Amino acid sequence: MTVYQVPPDTKEKEKVIGGLLDWTQFFWLLAGFVLGMLLAFLAYLGTRSVFLSVLMGVIGFGPSVPFALVKKMEMPLFTYLRRKHALKKKTKKLINMRKDV
């Protein structure tokens, strides 16, 4: 039986954090966690309400979760939105240079 060398699949990023997350997913979640903790701390200092501070922490952490975990069209959500925005900026109309038309 012949053994063939198969190149690794380079489309997917390597899962390095516990085999579940790659580095970009980890940093999205870390940034959301830091933002949530900052908002919770500031809310607690301002109101001394634990419920409000937990709510502000969840609100701060919530938006980072889709960017870390959701894939759309085989791409991470942030990459998809960035490419979609760049495509919207392009001119969709062709310029007609002829004068007789």
Protein backbone atom coordinates (compact mmCIF):
# COMPACT_ATOMS: atom_id res chain seq x y z
CA MET A 1 0.00 0.00 0.00
CA THR A 2 1.39 3.38 -1.04
CA VAL A 3 1.47 6.18 1.50
CA TYR A 4 0.92 9.65 0.04
CA GLN A 5 1.99 12.88 1.70
CA VAL A 6 -1.15 15.04 2.11
CA PRO A 7 -0.63 18.77 2.65
CA PRO A 8 -2.32 20.22 5.74
CA ASP A 9 -5.58 22.10 5.36
CA THR A 10 -4.61 25.76 5.69
CA LYS A 11 -8.10 27.25 5.36
CA GLU A 12 -8.89 26.77 9.04
CA LYS A 13 -6.84 28.35 11.79
CA GLU A 14 -5.26 26.06 14.34
CA LYS A 15 -7.21 25.65 17.58
CA VAL A 16 -4.65 26.37 20.28
CA ILE A 17 -6.72 27.30 23.35
CA GLY A 18 -7.96 23.99 24.72
CA GLY A 19 -8.57 22.68 21.20
CA LEU A 20 -11.68 24.86 21.01
CA LEU A 21 -10.54 28.41 20.22
CA ASP A 22 -7.92 29.96 17.98
CA TRP A 23 -6.04 33.11 18.96
CA THR A 24 -8.42 35.60 17.32
CA GLN A 25 -11.44 34.01 19.02
CA PHE A 26 -9.61 34.09 22.33
CA PHE A 27 -8.73 37.78 21.97
CA TRP A 28 -12.32 38.69 20.99
CA LEU A 29 -13.59 36.97 24.13
CA LEU A 30 -10.83 38.49 26.25
CA ALA A 31 -11.58 42.01 24.98
CA GLY A 32 -15.29 41.49 25.66
CA PHE A 33 -14.54 40.20 29.15
CA VAL A 34 -12.32 43.19 29.94
CA LEU A 35 -14.92 45.63 28.59
CA GLY A 36 -17.66 43.89 30.58
CA MET A 37 -15.64 43.97 33.78
CA LEU A 38 -14.81 47.64 33.25
CA LEU A 39 -18.46 48.54 32.71
CA ALA A 40 -19.52 46.45 35.70
CA PHE A 41 -16.90 48.11 37.91
CA LEU A 42 -17.92 51.60 36.81
CA ALA A 43 -21.62 50.80 37.29
CA TYR A 44 -20.93 49.44 40.77
CA LEU A 45 -18.95 52.53 41.72
CA GLY A 46 -21.70 54.79 40.46
CA THR A 47 -24.77 53.07 41.90
CA ARG A 48 -23.60 50.43 44.43
CA SER A 49 -26.14 48.08 42.85
CA VAL A 50 -24.94 44.54 42.21
CA PHE A 51 -27.80 43.78 39.82
CA LEU A 52 -27.04 46.83 37.66
CA SER A 53 -23.33 46.11 37.63
CA VAL A 54 -23.89 42.48 36.54
CA LEU A 55 -26.29 43.69 33.85
CA MET A 56 -23.73 46.20 32.56
CA GLY A 57 -21.06 43.48 32.57
CA VAL A 58 -23.25 41.19 30.45
CA ILE A 59 -24.07 44.08 28.10
CA GLY A 60 -20.35 44.79 27.71
CA PHE A 61 -19.40 41.15 27.15
CA GLY A 62 -22.34 40.24 24.89
CA PRO A 63 -21.28 41.84 21.59
CA SER A 64 -17.89 40.11 21.56
CA VAL A 65 -19.39 36.60 21.61
CA PRO A 66 -20.80 36.61 18.04
CA PHE A 67 -17.51 37.97 16.68
CA ALA A 68 -15.65 35.11 18.36
CA LEU A 69 -17.99 32.19 17.69
CA VAL A 70 -20.27 32.87 14.67
CA LYS A 71 -19.18 31.97 11.16
CA LYS A 72 -20.96 33.19 8.06
CA MET A 73 -20.13 31.73 4.65
CA GLU A 74 -17.16 29.81 6.12
CA MET A 75 -15.62 33.07 7.48
CA PRO A 76 -15.53 34.59 10.95
CA LEU A 77 -18.21 37.24 11.38
CA PHE A 78 -15.75 40.14 11.60
CA THR A 79 -14.02 39.14 8.34
CA TYR A 80 -17.37 38.71 6.62
CA LEU A 81 -18.59 42.16 7.71
CA ARG A 82 -15.30 43.79 6.74
CA ARG A 83 -15.41 42.27 3.23
CA LYS A 84 -19.09 43.14 2.84
CA HIS A 85 -18.36 46.76 3.77
CA ALA A 86 -15.44 46.92 1.30
CA LEU A 87 -17.67 45.52 -1.45
CA LYS A 88 -20.36 48.13 -0.76
CA LYS A 89 -17.82 50.90 -1.26
CA LYS A 90 -17.00 49.84 -4.82
CA THR A 91 -18.65 51.63 -7.73
CA LYS A 92 -21.38 49.51 -9.24
CA LYS A 93 -22.08 51.66 -12.31
CA LEU A 94 -19.99 51.58 -15.45
CA ILE A 95 -18.95 54.91 -16.84
CA ASN A 96 -19.93 55.43 -20.49
CA MET A 97 -17.09 57.33 -22.13
CA ARG A 98 -18.63 57.56 -25.61
CA LYS A 99 -20.36 60.83 -26.43
CA ASP A 100 -22.63 59.56 -29.23
CA VAL A 101 -24.65 57.27 -27.00
